[in-house]
């Protein structure tokens, strides 16, 4: 699954594009994903994560060690 945030699990949503004449066609709303490298001091290495900008705020708030611990508890390989 390509466009999924590793921390929050955000995925693309579907909806309608609505024209001026109110014709509706299907479209996708993609999450704002960034591939970001973090230095994980506990293991003295760099960790690369595909995260949404919302997840970046979560990492800043809770700390990288806490977020990685939760990811490993879910069974994700990091």
Protein backbone atom coordinates (compact mmCIF):
# COMPACT_ATOMS: atom_id res chain seq x y z
CA UNK A 1 0.00 0.00 0.00
CA UNK A 2 1.79 3.05 -1.26
CA UNK A 3 0.00 6.15 0.02
CA UNK A 4 -0.44 5.27 3.70
CA UNK A 5 1.07 7.05 6.69
CA UNK A 6 3.11 4.65 8.82
CA UNK A 7 2.27 6.44 12.09
CA UNK A 8 -1.36 7.53 11.81
CA UNK A 9 -2.56 5.13 9.09
CA UNK A 10 -4.09 7.90 6.97
CA UNK A 11 -5.09 6.69 3.50
CA UNK A 12 -6.59 8.33 0.40
CA UNK A 13 -10.27 9.25 0.64
CA UNK A 14 -12.77 9.37 -2.20
CA UNK A 15 -15.23 12.09 -3.04
CA UNK A 16 -16.64 14.12 -5.88
CA UNK A 17 -15.25 16.88 -8.06
CA UNK A 18 -18.13 19.27 -8.51
CA UNK A 19 -18.10 21.52 -11.56
CA UNK A 20 -19.74 24.90 -11.92
CA UNK A 21 -22.70 23.17 -13.59
CA UNK A 22 -22.91 20.77 -10.60
CA UNK A 23 -21.73 17.72 -12.58
CA UNK A 24 -20.10 15.28 -10.16
CA UNK A 25 -17.17 13.04 -11.06
CA UNK A 26 -15.20 10.81 -8.71
CA UNK A 27 -11.83 11.96 -7.39
CA UNK A 28 -9.32 11.04 -4.70
CA UNK A 29 -8.16 13.14 -1.77
CA UNK A 30 -4.55 12.13 -1.07
CA UNK A 31 -2.93 12.54 2.35
CA UNK A 32 -0.01 14.95 2.65
CA UNK A 33 2.78 12.36 2.94
CA UNK A 34 6.46 13.13 3.38
CA UNK A 35 9.36 10.68 3.40
CA UNK A 36 11.43 11.82 6.37
CA UNK A 37 14.60 10.58 8.02
CA UNK A 38 14.83 10.74 11.80
CA UNK A 39 17.88 10.08 13.96
CA UNK A 40 16.91 7.42 16.50
CA UNK A 41 19.35 8.12 19.36
CA UNK A 42 18.49 4.99 21.38
CA UNK A 43 19.80 2.73 18.61
CA UNK A 44 22.28 5.30 17.20
CA UNK A 45 20.94 5.06 13.63
CA UNK A 46 18.77 6.86 11.08
CA UNK A 47 15.18 5.70 10.57
CA UNK A 48 13.27 6.54 7.39
CA UNK A 49 9.49 6.85 7.72
CA UNK A 50 6.70 7.79 5.32
CA UNK A 51 4.59 10.07 7.49
CA UNK A 52 1.81 12.62 7.11
CA UNK A 53 2.38 16.15 8.31
CA UNK A 54 -0.06 15.38 11.14
CA UNK A 55 2.24 12.52 12.20
CA UNK A 56 5.23 14.90 12.22
CA UNK A 57 3.41 16.93 14.87
CA UNK A 58 2.73 13.72 16.83
CA UNK A 59 6.42 12.80 16.71
CA UNK A 60 7.39 16.30 17.88
CA UNK A 61 4.89 16.10 20.74
CA UNK A 62 5.40 12.53 22.00
CA UNK A 63 8.97 11.87 20.91
CA UNK A 64 10.40 9.51 18.32
CA UNK A 65 11.14 6.72 20.81
CA UNK A 66 7.50 6.55 21.95
CA UNK A 67 6.18 6.52 18.38
CA UNK A 68 8.59 3.78 17.26
CA UNK A 69 7.73 1.72 20.34
CA UNK A 70 4.01 1.92 19.42
CA UNK A 71 4.77 0.99 15.77
CA UNK A 72 6.75 -2.06 16.82
CA UNK A 73 3.93 -3.09 19.17
CA UNK A 74 1.58 -3.00 16.14
CA UNK A 75 3.98 -5.34 14.35
CA UNK A 76 5.50 -2.94 11.84
CA UNK A 77 9.16 -3.54 10.95
CA UNK A 78 11.37 -0.50 11.46
